[in-house]
PDB file of N, CA and C in Angstrom:
ATOM      1  N   MET A   1     101.967 179.061  54.091  1.00  0.00           N
ATOM      2  CA  MET A   1     103.224 178.378  55.202  1.00  0.00           C
ATOM      3  C   MET A   1     102.136 179.599  56.343  1.00  0.00           C
ATOM      4  N   ALA A   2     101.997 179.099  56.877  1.00  0.00           N
ATOM      5  CA  ALA A   2     101.348 180.144  58.275  1.00  0.00           C
ATOM      6  C   ALA A   2     102.568 180.532  59.289  1.00  0.00           C
ATOM      7  N   GLU A   3     102.135 181.753  59.332  1.00  0.00           N
ATOM      8  CA  GLU A   3     103.686 182.500  60.335  1.00  0.00           C
ATOM      9  C   GLU A   3     103.249 182.250  61.821  1.00  0.00           C
ATOM     10  N   GLN A   4     104.311 182.191  62.681  1.00  0.00           N
ATOM     11  CA  GLN A   4     103.670 182.438  64.294  1.00  0.00           C
ATOM     12  C   GLN A   4     103.424 184.077  64.422  1.00  0.00           C
ATOM     13  N   PRO A   5     102.775 184.445  65.261  1.00  0.00           N
ATOM     14  CA  PRO A   5     102.593 185.822  65.669  1.00  0.00           C
ATOM     15  C   PRO A   5     103.386 186.472  65.707  1.00  0.00           C
ATOM     16  N   LYS A   6     104.734 186.125  66.119  1.00  0.00           N
ATOM     17  CA  LYS A   6     106.005 186.654  66.647  1.00  0.00           C
ATOM     18  C   LYS A   6     106.581 186.956  65.243  1.00  0.00           C
ATOM     19  N   GLU A   7     106.334 186.066  64.269  1.00  0.00           N
ATOM     20  CA  GLU A   7     107.310 186.201  63.400  1.00  0.00           C
ATOM     21  C   GLU A   7     106.446 187.212  62.261  1.00  0.00           C
ATOM     22  N   ARG A   8     105.311 187.063  62.195  1.00  0.00           N
ATOM     23  CA  ARG A   8     104.129 188.212  61.460  1.00  0.00           C
ATOM     24  C   ARG A   8     104.273 189.676  61.979  1.00  0.00           C
ATOM     25  N   LEU A   9     104.512 189.910  63.231  1.00  0.00           N
ATOM     26  CA  LEU A   9     104.966 191.064  64.495  1.00  0.00           C
ATOM     27  C   LEU A   9     106.178 191.907  63.591  1.00  0.00           C
ATOM     28  N   ASP A  10     107.265 190.846  63.798  1.00  0.00           N
ATOM     29  CA  ASP A  10     108.462 191.191  63.436  1.00  0.00           C
ATOM     30  C   ASP A  10     108.307 191.400  61.602  1.00  0.00           C
ATOM     31  N   ARG A  11     107.862 190.913  61.210  1.00  0.00           N
ATOM     32  CA  ARG A  11     107.894 191.250  59.381  1.00  0.00           C
ATOM     33  C   ARG A  11     107.151 192.523  59.520  1.00  0.00           C
ATOM     34  N   ILE A  12     105.659 192.974  60.046  1.00  0.00           N
ATOM     35  CA  ILE A  12     105.377 194.091  59.895  1.00  0.00           C
ATOM     36  C   ILE A  12     105.874 195.245  60.275  1.00  0.00           C
ATOM     37  N   ASN A  13     106.521 195.005  61.645  1.00  0.00           N
ATOM     38  CA  ASN A  13     107.826 195.990  61.766  1.00  0.00           C
ATOM     39  C   ASN A  13     108.710 196.403  60.996  1.00  0.00           C
ATOM     40  N   GLU A  14     109.181 195.320  60.311  1.00  0.00           N
ATOM     41  CA  GLU A  14     110.398 195.237  59.506  1.00  0.00           C
ATOM     42  C   GLU A  14     109.482 196.415  57.922  1.00  0.00           C
ATOM     43  N   LEU A  15     108.674 195.896  57.959  1.00  0.00           N
ATOM     44  CA  LEU A  15     107.920 196.653  56.712  1.00  0.00           C
ATOM     45  C   LEU A  15     107.789 198.069  56.790  1.00  0.00           C
ATOM     46  N   ALA A  16     107.274 198.374  57.673  1.00  0.00           N
ATOM     47  CA  ALA A  16     107.351 199.790  58.561  1.00  0.00           C
ATOM     48  C   ALA A  16     108.154 200.542  58.569  1.00  0.00           C
ATOM     49  N   LYS A  17     109.193 200.175  59.046  1.00  0.00           N
ATOM     50  CA  LYS A  17     110.611 200.848  59.065  1.00  0.00           C
ATOM     51  C   LYS A  17     111.196 200.878  57.669  1.00  0.00           C
ATOM     52  N   LYS A  18     111.220 200.246  57.011  1.00  0.00           N
ATOM     53  CA  LYS A  18     111.507 200.469  55.252  1.00  0.00           C
ATOM     54  C   LYS A  18     110.514 200.871  54.806  1.00  0.00           C
ATOM     55  N   ASP A  19     109.438 201.637  54.926  1.00  0.00           N
ATOM     56  CA  ASP A  19     108.682 202.009  54.100  1.00  0.00           C
ATOM     57  C   ASP A  19     109.097 203.603  54.843  1.00  0.00           C
ATOM     58  N   ARG A  20     109.373 204.131  56.418  1.00  0.00           N
ATOM     59  CA  ARG A  20     109.635 205.165  56.598  1.00  0.00           C
ATOM     60  C   ARG A  20     111.105 205.605  55.908  1.00  0.00           C
ATOM     61  N   SER A  21     111.914 204.577  55.339  1.00  0.00           N
ATOM     62  CA  SER A  21     113.583 205.099  55.280  1.00  0.00           C
ATOM     63  C   SER A  21     113.281 204.965  53.509  1.00  0.00           C
ATOM     64  N   VAL A  22     112.635 204.225  52.710  1.00  0.00           N
ATOM     65  CA  VAL A  22     113.034 204.205  51.468  1.00  0.00           C
ATOM     66  C   VAL A  22     111.587 203.967  50.752  1.00  0.00           C
ATOM     67  N   GLY A  23     110.852 203.420  51.099  1.00  0.00           N
ATOM     68  CA  GLY A  23     109.661 202.865  50.671  1.00  0.00           C
ATOM     69  C   GLY A  23     109.386 201.791  50.033  1.00  0.00           C
ATOM     70  N   LEU A  24     108.213 201.378  50.223  1.00  0.00           N
ATOM     71  CA  LEU A  24     107.584 200.329  49.614  1.00  0.00           C
ATOM     72  C   LEU A  24     107.266 199.862  48.087  1.00  0.00           C
ATOM     73  N   THR A  25     107.517 198.337  47.830  1.00  0.00           N
ATOM     74  CA  THR A  25     107.147 197.862  46.373  1.00  0.00           C
ATOM     75  C   THR A  25     105.785 197.946  46.310  1.00  0.00           C
ATOM     76  N   PRO A  26     104.850 197.631  45.409  1.00  0.00           N
ATOM     77  CA  PRO A  26     103.711 197.302  45.620  1.00  0.00           C
ATOM     78  C   PRO A  26     103.342 195.948  46.285  1.00  0.00           C
ATOM     79  N   GLU A  27     104.211 195.310  45.721  1.00  0.00           N
ATOM     80  CA  GLU A  27     104.111 193.885  46.704  1.00  0.00           C
ATOM     81  C   GLU A  27     104.069 193.917  47.760  1.00  0.00           C
ATOM     82  N   GLU A  28     105.408 194.742  48.367  1.00  0.00           N
ATOM     83  CA  GLU A  28     105.337 194.960  49.833  1.00  0.00           C
ATOM     84  C   GLU A  28     104.058 195.827  50.414  1.00  0.00           C
ATOM     85  N   LYS A  29     103.654 196.335  49.584  1.00  0.00           N
ATOM     86  CA  LYS A  29     102.405 197.046  50.305  1.00  0.00           C
ATOM     87  C   LYS A  29     101.056 196.015  50.558  1.00  0.00           C
ATOM     88  N   ILE A  30     101.205 195.187  49.786  1.00  0.00           N
ATOM     89  CA  ILE A  30      99.903 194.220  49.546  1.00  0.00           C
ATOM     90  C   ILE A  30     100.383 192.911  50.623  1.00  0.00           C
ATOM     91  N   GLU A  31     101.647 192.513  50.604  1.00  0.00           N
ATOM     92  CA  GLU A  31     101.656 191.461  52.195  1.00  0.00           C
ATOM     93  C   GLU A  31     101.663 192.652  53.145  1.00  0.00           C
ATOM     94  N   ARG A  32     102.276 194.003  53.135  1.00  0.00           N
ATOM     95  CA  ARG A  32     102.201 194.161  54.738  1.00  0.00           C
ATOM     96  C   ARG A  32     100.674 194.453  55.175  1.00  0.00           C
ATOM     97  N   GLN A  33      99.583 194.706  53.927  1.00  0.00           N
ATOM     98  CA  GLN A  33      97.621 194.821  54.334  1.00  0.00           C
ATOM     99  C   GLN A  33      97.749 193.380  54.875  1.00  0.00           C
ATOM    100  N   LYS A  34      98.130 192.199  54.091  1.00  0.00           N
ATOM    101  CA  LYS A  34      97.888 190.979  54.270  1.00  0.00           C
ATOM    102  C   LYS A  34      98.028 190.585  55.590  1.00  0.00           C
ATOM    103  N   LEU A  35      99.618 191.041  56.252  1.00  0.00           N
ATOM    104  CA  LEU A  35      99.954 190.634  57.759  1.00  0.00           C
ATOM    105  C   LEU A  35      99.019 191.387  58.287  1.00  0.00           C
ATOM    106  N   ARG A  36      98.789 192.470  58.461  1.00  0.00           N
ATOM    107  CA  ARG A  36      98.012 193.536  59.342  1.00  0.00           C
ATOM    108  C   ARG A  36      96.801 193.025  59.619  1.00  0.00           C
ATOM    109  N   GLU A  37      96.003 192.555  58.300  1.00  0.00           N
ATOM    110  CA  GLU A  37      94.797 191.992  58.568  1.00  0.00           C
ATOM    111  C   GLU A  37      94.703 190.476  59.573  1.00  0.00           C
ATOM    112  N   ALA A  38      95.563 189.444  58.891  1.00  0.00           N
ATOM    113  CA  ALA A  38      96.161 188.453  59.855  1.00  0.00           C
ATOM    114  C   ALA A  38      96.145 188.831  61.580  1.00  0.00           C
ATOM    115  N   TYR A  39      97.076 189.669  61.410  1.00  0.00           N
ATOM    116  CA  TYR A  39      97.276 190.206  62.839  1.00  0.00           C
ATOM    117  C   TYR A  39      95.667 190.410  63.920  1.00  0.00           C
ATOM    118  N   LEU A  40      95.165 191.257  62.969  1.00  0.00           N
ATOM    119  CA  LEU A  40      94.237 192.275  63.449  1.00  0.00           C
ATOM    120  C   LEU A  40      93.014 190.995  63.685  1.00  0.00           C
ATOM    121  N   LYS A  41      93.146 190.228  63.171  1.00  0.00           N
ATOM    122  CA  LYS A  41      91.763 188.761  63.094  1.00  0.00           C
ATOM    123  C   LYS A  41      92.162 187.941  64.477  1.00  0.00           C
ATOM    124  N   ASP A  42      93.693 187.963  64.640  1.00  0.00           N
ATOM    125  CA  ASP A  42      93.950 186.875  65.734  1.00  0.00           C
ATOM    126  C   ASP A  42      94.029 187.657  66.775  1.00  0.00           C
ATOM    127  N   PHE A  43      94.293 188.848  67.157  1.00  0.00           N
ATOM    128  CA  PHE A  43      93.809 189.998  68.132  1.00  0.00           C
ATOM    129  C   PHE A  43      92.378 189.751  68.558  1.00  0.00           C
ATOM    130  N   ARG A  44      91.661 190.211  67.518  1.00  0.00           N
ATOM    131  CA  ARG A  44      90.228 190.034  67.945  1.00  0.00           C
ATOM    132  C   ARG A  44      89.666 188.966  68.480  1.00  0.00           C
ATOM    133  N   ALA A  45      90.259 187.844  67.813  1.00  0.00           N
ATOM    134  CA  ALA A  45      89.779 186.534  68.019  1.00  0.00           C
ATOM    135  C   ALA A  45      90.290 186.136  69.621  1.00  0.00           C
ATOM    136  N   GLY A  46      91.459 186.699  70.212  1.00  0.00           N
ATOM    137  CA  GLY A  46      92.174 186.294  71.290  1.00  0.00           C
ATOM    138  C   GLY A  46      91.493 187.295  72.439  1.00  0.00           C
ATOM    139  N   LEU A  47      91.212 188.433  71.978  1.00  0.00           N
ATOM    140  CA  LEU A  47      90.387 189.301  72.884  1.00  0.00           C
ATOM    141  C   LEU A  47      89.195 188.935  73.132  1.00  0.00           C
ATOM    142  N   ARG A  48      87.974 188.191  72.374  1.00  0.00           N
ATOM    143  CA  ARG A  48      86.970 187.721  72.339  1.00  0.00           C
ATOM    144  C   ARG A  48      86.682 186.637  73.332  1.00  0.00           C
ATOM    145  N   ASP A  49      87.862 185.718  72.997  1.00  0.00           N
ATOM    146  CA  ASP A  49      88.109 184.789  73.904  1.00  0.00           C
ATOM    147  C   ASP A  49      88.266 184.904  75.093  1.00  0.00           C
ATOM    148  N   GLN A  50      88.875 186.409  75.612  1.00  0.00           N
ATOM    149  CA  GLN A  50      89.347 186.707  76.665  1.00  0.00           C
ATOM    150  C   GLN A  50      88.110 187.206  77.572  1.00  0.00           C
ATOM    151  N   ILE A  51      87.169 187.882  76.439  1.00  0.00           N
ATOM    152  CA  ILE A  51      85.923 188.514  77.423  1.00  0.00           C
ATOM    153  C   ILE A  51      84.560 187.240  77.764  1.00  0.00           C
ATOM    154  N   GLU A  52      84.823 186.368  76.518  1.00  0.00           N
ATOM    155  CA  GLU A  52      84.195 185.589  76.723  1.00  0.00           C
ATOM    156  C   GLU A  52      84.516 184.434  78.170  1.00  0.00           C
ATOM    157  N   HIS A  53      85.204 184.647  78.479  1.00  0.00           N
ATOM    158  CA  HIS A  53      85.906 183.218  79.765  1.00  0.00           C
ATOM    159  C   HIS A  53      85.866 184.335  81.056  1.00  0.00           C
ATOM    160  N   THR A  54      85.649 185.815  81.168  1.00  0.00           N
ATOM    161  CA  THR A  54      85.460 186.038  82.385  1.00  0.00           C
ATOM    162  C   THR A  54      84.198 186.759  82.949  1.00  0.00           C
ATOM    163  N   GLN A  55      84.253 186.590  84.305  1.00  0.00           N
ATOM    164  CA  GLN A  55      83.576 186.750  85.042  1.00  0.00           C
ATOM    165  C   GLN A  55      83.480 187.847  85.794  1.00  0.00           C
ATOM    166  N   VAL A  56      82.719 188.922  86.059  1.00  0.00           N
ATOM    167  CA  VAL A  56      82.988 190.031  86.808  1.00  0.00           C
ATOM    168  C   VAL A  56      82.194 189.997  87.977  1.00  0.00           C
ATOM    169  N   PHE A  57      82.562 190.725  89.163  1.00  0.00           N
ATOM    170  CA  PHE A  57      81.835 190.917  90.376  1.00  0.00           C
ATOM    171  C   PHE A  57      82.346 191.833  91.370  1.00  0.00           C
ATOM    172  N   ASP A  58      81.494 192.492  91.914  1.00  0.00           N
ATOM    173  CA  ASP A  58      81.859 193.732  92.678  1.00  0.00           C
ATOM    174  C   ASP A  58      82.000 193.205  94.212  1.00  0.00           C
ATOM    175  N   LYS A  59      82.533 194.568  94.671  1.00  0.00           N
ATOM    176  CA  LYS A  59      83.288 193.827  96.095  1.00  0.00           C
ATOM    177  C   LYS A  59      82.596 192.973  96.895  1.00  0.00           C
ATOM    178  N   LYS A  60      81.472 192.839  96.990  1.00  0.00           N
ATOM    179  CA  LYS A  60      80.573 192.386  97.833  1.00  0.00           C
ATOM    180  C   LYS A  60      80.205 190.665  97.168  1.00  0.00           C
ATOM    181  N   GLY A  61      80.551 190.551  95.853  1.00  0.00           N
ATOM    182  CA  GLY A  61      80.380 188.882  95.863  1.00  0.00           C
ATOM    183  C   GLY A  61      79.361 189.220  94.268  1.00  0.00           C
ATOM    184  N   LYS A  62      78.887 190.283  94.281  1.00  0.00           N
ATOM    185  CA  LYS A  62      77.418 189.782  93.423  1.00  0.00           C
ATOM    186  C   LYS A  62      78.184 190.358  91.686  1.00  0.00           C
ATOM    187  N   GLU A  63      77.706 189.321  91.205  1.00  0.00           N
ATOM    188  CA  GLU A  63      77.971 189.101  89.882  1.00  0.00           C
ATOM    189  C   GLU A  63      77.809 190.499  88.902  1.00  0.00           C
ATOM    190  N   LEU A  64      78.684 191.160  88.204  1.00  0.00           N
ATOM    191  CA  LEU A  64      77.997 192.128  87.289  1.00  0.00           C
ATOM    192  C   LEU A  64      78.531 191.718  85.828  1.00  0.00           C
ATOM    193  N   THR A  65      78.741 190.276  85.365  1.00  0.00           N
ATOM    194  CA  THR A  65      79.106 190.214  84.015  1.00  0.00           C
ATOM    195  C   THR A  65      77.684 190.115  83.043  1.00  0.00           C
ATOM    196  N   SER A  66      78.008 191.271  81.877  1.00  0.00           N
ATOM    197  CA  SER A  66      76.661 191.596  81.290  1.00  0.00           C
ATOM    198  C   SER A  66      76.058 189.903  80.725  1.00  0.00           C
ATOM    199  N   LYS A  67      74.958 190.231  80.621  1.00  0.00           N
ATOM    200  CA  LYS A  67      73.547 189.071  80.091  1.00  0.00           C
ATOM    201  C   LYS A  67      74.541 188.524  78.743  1.00  0.00           C
ATOM    202  N   LYS A  68      74.790 189.262  77.869  1.00  0.00           N
ATOM    203  CA  LYS A  68      75.499 188.899  76.923  1.00  0.00           C
ATOM    204  C   LYS A  68      76.534 187.817  76.927  1.00  0.00           C
ATOM    205  N   VAL A  69      77.434 188.214  77.671  1.00  0.00           N
ATOM    206  CA  VAL A  69      78.619 187.474  78.090  1.00  0.00           C
ATOM    207  C   VAL A  69      78.268 186.201  78.869  1.00  0.00           C
ATOM    208  N   GLN A  70      76.963 186.205  79.675  1.00  0.00           N
ATOM    209  CA  GLN A  70      76.628 185.437  80.565  1.00  0.00           C
ATOM    210  C   GLN A  70      76.154 184.017  79.802  1.00  0.00           C
ATOM    211  N   LYS A  71      75.121 184.204  78.381  1.00  0.00           N
ATOM    212  CA  LYS A  71      74.600 183.664  77.650  1.00  0.00           C
ATOM    213  C   LYS A  71      75.749 182.786  76.692  1.00  0.00           C
ATOM    214  N   ILE A  72      76.733 183.641  76.186  1.00  0.00           N
ATOM    215  CA  ILE A  72      77.430 183.050  75.605  1.00  0.00           C
ATOM    216  C   ILE A  72      78.279 181.847  76.365  1.00  0.00           C
ATOM    217  N   GLN A  73      78.634 182.366  77.773  1.00  0.00           N
ATOM    218  CA  GLN A  73      78.847 181.343  78.558  1.00  0.00           C
ATOM    219  C   GLN A  73      78.333 180.224  78.886  1.00  0.00           C
ATOM    220  N   ARG A  74      76.973 180.416  78.564  1.00  0.00           N
ATOM    221  CA  ARG A  74      76.056 179.267  78.699  1.00  0.00           C
ATOM    222  C   ARG A  74      76.349 178.347  77.627  1.00  0.00           C
ATOM    223  N   GLU A  75      76.098 178.842  76.725  1.00  0.00           N
ATOM    224  CA  GLU A  75      76.075 178.188  75.385  1.00  0.00           C
ATOM    225  C   GLU A  75      77.515 177.488  75.234  1.00  0.00           C
ATOM    226  N   HIS A  76      78.384 177.812  75.596  1.00  0.00           N
ATOM    227  CA  HIS A  76      79.361 176.813  75.643  1.00  0.00           C
ATOM    228  C   HIS A  76      79.714 176.050  76.868  1.00  0.00           C
ATOM    229  N   GLY A  77      78.650 176.158  77.414  1.00  0.00           N
ATOM    230  CA  GLY A  77      78.792 175.270  78.457  1.00  0.00           C
ATOM    231  C   GLY A  77      79.776 175.537  80.041  1.00  0.00           C
ATOM    232  N   TRP A  78      80.238 176.625  79.817  1.00  0.00           N
ATOM    233  CA  TRP A  78      81.016 177.597  80.760  1.00  0.00           C
ATOM    234  C   TRP A  78      80.370 177.733  82.275  1.00  0.00           C
ATOM    235  N   ARG A  79      79.180 177.522  82.181  1.00  0.00           N
ATOM    236  CA  ARG A  79      78.548 178.097  83.406  1.00  0.00           C
ATOM    237  C   ARG A  79      77.371 176.827  83.900  1.00  0.00           C
ATOM    238  N   LYS A  80      77.160 176.841  85.133  1.00  0.00           N
ATOM    239  CA  LYS A  80      76.224 176.122  85.519  1.00  0.00           C
ATOM    240  C   LYS A  80      75.190 176.672  85.885  1.00  0.00           C
ATOM    241  N   ASP A  81      74.537 177.925  85.920  1.00  0.00           N
ATOM    242  CA  ASP A  81      73.508 178.477  86.295  1.00  0.00           C
ATOM    243  C   ASP A  81      72.255 178.928  85.105  1.00  0.00           C
TER     244      ASP A  81
END
């Protein structure tokens, strides 16, 4: 069963609170690690997607988007140049 990001984060926080108060069982420590890994994977994917869709311009209108990001945008068909 795949958890929603909000449910996953709530569970991570619940386990953190329990760890500070009474400690975690070995099973809970494994669960916490898996939840953290899944959270970070989703976070990184979202950040990467946001960066890849962003174009940066200076005040004069000159594009400052990195060449690497421009290449990725071209590969996905998001740029016409």
